[in-house]
Amino acid sequence: MSVHRVEIGLVSERDDLVDFYRDTFAFEVLEPRSVPMGTVHRLGAGEAMVKIMVPDDPPAMAESAREQFWDRAGLQYFAVWVDDLDAVATRCVRAGGVVAAGPLDVRPGLRSALVHDPDGNVLEVMEATP
């Protein structure tokens, strides 16, 4: 058995979260898929894919955020590797997100930032450096 790809799926009450991922990470917006309970928007870059499900009936809002994402068990963040972390951080803010930490040097050859999308989802944005 081998894993070929992992795709990330988010649930949002609004379609404009698609704009954040398109504008921040330069994802290509692919044709949305209608499903019986709503719409799945698909965004891709190479083998990476983010899916944003917008149900016809607005979803319940998530429990209020804690101080740090690691204060609660479960899926709390996902990582995106980029080749220009500073530009991504700037675009994140312009697109309605928040840079919560960084960009900073984690260790030689690795930089990172924690960002929150407009829905409050946490992303670890990583950049390999020479």
C-alpha atoms as a PDB file:
ATOM      1  CA  MET A   1       0.000   0.000   0.000  1.00  0.00           C
ATOM      2  CA  SER A   2       1.188   3.527  -0.727  1.00  0.00           C
ATOM      3  CA  VAL A   3      -0.324   6.937  -0.151  1.00  0.00           C
ATOM      4  CA  HIS A   4      -0.495   9.015  -3.320  1.00  0.00           C
ATOM      5  CA  ARG A   5      -1.707  12.350  -1.972  1.00  0.00           C
ATOM      6  CA  VAL A   6      -3.331  13.966   1.049  1.00  0.00           C
ATOM      7  CA  GLU A   7      -5.925  16.695   0.545  1.00  0.00           C
ATOM      8  CA  ILE A   8      -7.077  19.139   3.219  1.00  0.00           C
ATOM      9  CA  GLY A   9     -10.792  19.860   3.631  1.00  0.00           C
ATOM     10  CA  LEU A  10     -12.214  22.868   5.456  1.00  0.00           C
ATOM     11  CA  VAL A  11     -15.846  23.719   6.195  1.00  0.00           C
ATOM     12  CA  SER A  12     -16.911  27.355   6.000  1.00  0.00           C
ATOM     13  CA  GLU A  13     -20.147  29.271   6.073  1.00  0.00           C
ATOM     14  CA  ARG A  14     -18.992  31.494   3.222  1.00  0.00           C
ATOM     15  CA  ASP A  15     -17.565  31.197  -0.287  1.00  0.00           C
ATOM     16  CA  ASP A  16     -15.064  34.044   0.124  1.00  0.00           C
ATOM     17  CA  LEU A  17     -12.641  31.803   2.032  1.00  0.00           C
ATOM     18  CA  VAL A  18     -11.778  30.544  -1.463  1.00  0.00           C
ATOM     19  CA  ASP A  19     -10.488  34.044  -2.290  1.00  0.00           C
ATOM     20  CA  PHE A  20      -8.163  34.003   0.736  1.00  0.00           C
ATOM     21  CA  TYR A  21      -6.453  30.765  -0.345  1.00  0.00           C
ATOM     22  CA  ARG A  22      -6.299  31.852  -3.993  1.00  0.00           C
ATOM     23  CA  ASP A  23      -4.853  35.270  -3.169  1.00  0.00           C
ATOM     24  CA  THR A  24      -2.479  34.195  -0.371  1.00  0.00           C
ATOM     25  CA  PHE A  25      -1.025  31.013  -1.846  1.00  0.00           C
ATOM     26  CA  ALA A  26      -1.701  31.504  -5.583  1.00  0.00           C
ATOM     27  CA  PHE A  27      -3.780  28.332  -5.657  1.00  0.00           C
ATOM     28  CA  GLU A  28      -5.601  27.722  -8.920  1.00  0.00           C
ATOM     29  CA  VAL A  29      -9.358  27.732  -8.412  1.00  0.00           C
ATOM     30  CA  LEU A  30     -10.700  24.535  -9.936  1.00  0.00           C
ATOM     31  CA  GLU A  31     -14.290  23.818 -10.902  1.00  0.00           C
ATOM     32  CA  PRO A  32     -16.459  23.587  -7.772  1.00  0.00           C
ATOM     33  CA  ARG A  33     -18.412  20.405  -7.142  1.00  0.00           C
ATOM     34  CA  SER A  34     -22.055  20.496  -6.165  1.00  0.00           C
ATOM     35  CA  VAL A  35     -22.998  17.870  -3.627  1.00  0.00           C
ATOM     36  CA  PRO A  36     -26.438  17.254  -2.108  1.00  0.00           C
ATOM     37  CA  MET A  37     -25.577  19.248   1.026  1.00  0.00           C
ATOM     38  CA  GLY A  38     -23.740  22.203  -0.540  1.00  0.00           C
ATOM     39  CA  THR A  39     -20.713  23.094  -2.646  1.00  0.00           C
ATOM     40  CA  VAL A  40     -17.125  21.878  -2.463  1.00  0.00           C
ATOM     41  CA  HIS A  41     -14.685  24.463  -3.795  1.00  0.00           C
ATOM     42  CA  ARG A  42     -11.370  22.991  -4.909  1.00  0.00           C
ATOM     43  CA  LEU A  43      -8.068  24.831  -5.093  1.00  0.00           C
ATOM     44  CA  GLY A  44      -4.887  23.271  -6.372  1.00  0.00           C
ATOM     45  CA  ALA A  45      -1.163  23.860  -6.781  1.00  0.00           C
ATOM     46  CA  GLY A  46       0.784  20.927  -8.188  1.00  0.00           C
ATOM     47  CA  GLU A  47      -0.121  17.902  -6.081  1.00  0.00           C
ATOM     48  CA  ALA A  48      -1.491  20.050  -3.237  1.00  0.00           C
ATOM     49  CA  MET A  49      -5.230  20.555  -2.902  1.00  0.00           C
ATOM     50  CA  VAL A  50      -7.394  22.454  -0.443  1.00  0.00           C
ATOM     51  CA  LYS A  51     -11.129  21.818  -0.478  1.00  0.00           C
ATOM     52  CA  ILE A  52     -13.560  24.273   1.063  1.00  0.00           C
ATOM     53  CA  MET A  53     -17.009  22.848   1.733  1.00  0.00           C
ATOM     54  CA  VAL A  54     -19.780  25.450   2.006  1.00  0.00           C
ATOM     55  CA  PRO A  55     -22.956  23.699   3.197  1.00  0.00           C
ATOM     56  CA  ASP A  56     -26.374  24.966   2.086  1.00  0.00           C
ATOM     57  CA  ASP A  57     -27.334  25.201   5.767  1.00  0.00           C
ATOM     58  CA  PRO A  58     -24.740  27.330   7.596  1.00  0.00           C
ATOM     59  CA  PRO A  59     -22.538  25.185   9.860  1.00  0.00           C
ATOM     60  CA  ALA A  60     -22.317  25.713  13.613  1.00  0.00           C
ATOM     61  CA  MET A  61     -19.474  28.004  14.532  1.00  0.00           C
ATOM     62  CA  ALA A  62     -16.438  26.369  16.091  1.00  0.00           C
ATOM     63  CA  GLU A  63     -15.842  26.588  19.815  1.00  0.00           C
ATOM     64  CA  SER A  64     -14.142  29.873  20.654  1.00  0.00           C
ATOM     65  CA  ALA A  65     -10.430  29.810  19.998  1.00  0.00           C
ATOM     66  CA  ARG A  66      -8.032  29.062  22.802  1.00  0.00           C
ATOM     67  CA  GLU A  67      -4.890  31.012  23.523  1.00  0.00           C
ATOM     68  CA  GLN A  68      -2.731  28.579  21.506  1.00  0.00           C
ATOM     69  CA  PHE A  69      -3.726  25.937  18.950  1.00  0.00           C
ATOM     70  CA  TRP A  70      -1.885  23.261  20.945  1.00  0.00           C
ATOM     71  CA  ASP A  71      -4.221  23.786  23.935  1.00  0.00           C
ATOM     72  CA  ARG A  72      -6.808  21.447  22.397  1.00  0.00           C
ATOM     73  CA  ALA A  73      -6.467  17.940  20.950  1.00  0.00           C
ATOM     74  CA  GLY A  74      -7.546  17.132  17.413  1.00  0.00           C
ATOM     75  CA  LEU A  75      -6.798  18.599  14.004  1.00  0.00           C
ATOM     76  CA  GLN A  76      -5.749  22.162  14.812  1.00  0.00           C
ATOM     77  CA  TYR A  77      -3.468  23.207  11.956  1.00  0.00           C
ATOM     78  CA  PHE A  78      -1.961  22.149   8.669  1.00  0.00           C
ATOM     79  CA  ALA A  79       1.321  23.069   7.003  1.00  0.00           C
ATOM     80  CA  VAL A  80       1.922  24.678   3.626  1.00  0.00           C
ATOM     81  CA  TRP A  81       5.438  24.786   2.176  1.00  0.00           C
ATOM     82  CA  VAL A  82       6.227  27.856   0.070  1.00  0.00           C
ATOM     83  CA  ASP A  83       9.254  29.411  -1.608  1.00  0.00           C
ATOM     84  CA  ASP A  84       8.694  33.031  -0.445  1.00  0.00           C
ATOM     85  CA  LEU A  85       7.452  33.163   3.133  1.00  0.00           C
ATOM     86  CA  ASP A  86       7.661  36.942   3.462  1.00  0.00           C
ATOM     87  CA  ALA A  87       5.488  37.499   0.387  1.00  0.00           C
ATOM     88  CA  VAL A  88       2.947  34.925   1.624  1.00  0.00           C
ATOM     89  CA  ALA A  89       2.743  36.661   5.013  1.00  0.00           C
ATOM     90  CA  THR A  90       2.094  40.005   3.305  1.00  0.00           C
ATOM     91  CA  ARG A  91      -0.570  38.530   1.009  1.00  0.00           C
ATOM     92  CA  CYS A  92      -2.176  36.759   3.983  1.00  0.00           C
ATOM     93  CA  VAL A  93      -2.816  40.063   5.756  1.00  0.00           C
ATOM     94  CA  ARG A  94      -4.042  41.736   2.551  1.00  0.00           C
ATOM     95  CA  ALA A  95      -6.499  38.862   2.011  1.00  0.00           C
ATOM     96  CA  GLY A  96      -8.012  39.168   5.502  1.00  0.00           C
ATOM     97  CA  GLY A  97      -5.867  36.735   7.463  1.00  0.00           C
ATOM     98  CA  VAL A  98      -3.641  37.266  10.487  1.00  0.00           C
ATOM     99  CA  VAL A  99       0.039  36.506  10.937  1.00  0.00           C
ATOM    100  CA  ALA A 100       0.088  35.238  14.523  1.00  0.00           C
ATOM    101  CA  ALA A 101       3.831  34.503  14.724  1.00  0.00           C
ATOM    102  CA  GLY A 102       6.825  35.028  12.479  1.00  0.00           C
ATOM    103  CA  PRO A 103       8.155  34.825   9.939  1.00  0.00           C
ATOM    104  CA  LEU A 104      11.062  33.536  11.966  1.00  0.00           C
ATOM    105  CA  ASP A 105      14.094  31.314  11.614  1.00  0.00           C
ATOM    106  CA  VAL A 106      13.285  27.966  13.235  1.00  0.00           C
ATOM    107  CA  ARG A 107      16.754  26.557  12.612  1.00  0.00           C
ATOM    108  CA  PRO A 108      19.359  26.887   9.870  1.00  0.00           C
ATOM    109  CA  GLY A 109      17.636  26.198   6.573  1.00  0.00           C
ATOM    110  CA  LEU A 110      14.059  26.561   7.874  1.00  0.00           C
ATOM    111  CA  ARG A 111      11.771  29.558   8.342  1.00  0.00           C
ATOM    112  CA  SER A 112       8.185  29.473   9.560  1.00  0.00           C
ATOM    113  CA  ALA A 113       5.136  31.594  10.301  1.00  0.00           C
ATOM    114  CA  LEU A 114       1.804  30.797  11.921  1.00  0.00           C
ATOM    115  CA  VAL A 115      -1.129  32.386  10.150  1.00  0.00           C
ATOM    116  CA  HIS A 116      -4.875  32.326  10.681  1.00  0.00           C
ATOM    117  CA  ASP A 117      -7.233  32.403   7.723  1.00  0.00           C
ATOM    118  CA  PRO A 118     -10.376  34.596   7.977  1.00  0.00           C
ATOM    119  CA  ASP A 119     -12.300  31.671   9.543  1.00  0.00           C
ATOM    120  CA  GLY A 120      -9.621  31.231  12.238  1.00  0.00           C
ATOM    121  CA  ASN A 121      -8.029  28.064  10.825  1.00  0.00           C
ATOM    122  CA  VAL A 122      -4.328  27.877  11.714  1.00  0.00           C
ATOM    123  CA  LEU A 123      -1.687  27.236   9.063  1.00  0.00           C
ATOM    124  CA  GLU A 124       1.991  26.650   9.612  1.00  0.00           C
ATOM    125  CA  VAL A 125       3.674  28.212   6.587  1.00  0.00           C
ATOM    126  CA  MET A 126       7.143  26.800   6.022  1.00  0.00           C
ATOM    127  CA  GLU A 127      10.058  27.823   3.800  1.00  0.00           C
ATOM    128  CA  ALA A 128      13.285  25.907   3.217  1.00  0.00           C
ATOM    129  CA  THR A 129      16.183  28.333   2.943  1.00  0.00           C
ATOM    130  CA  PRO A 130      19.734  27.856   1.647  1.00  0.00           C
END
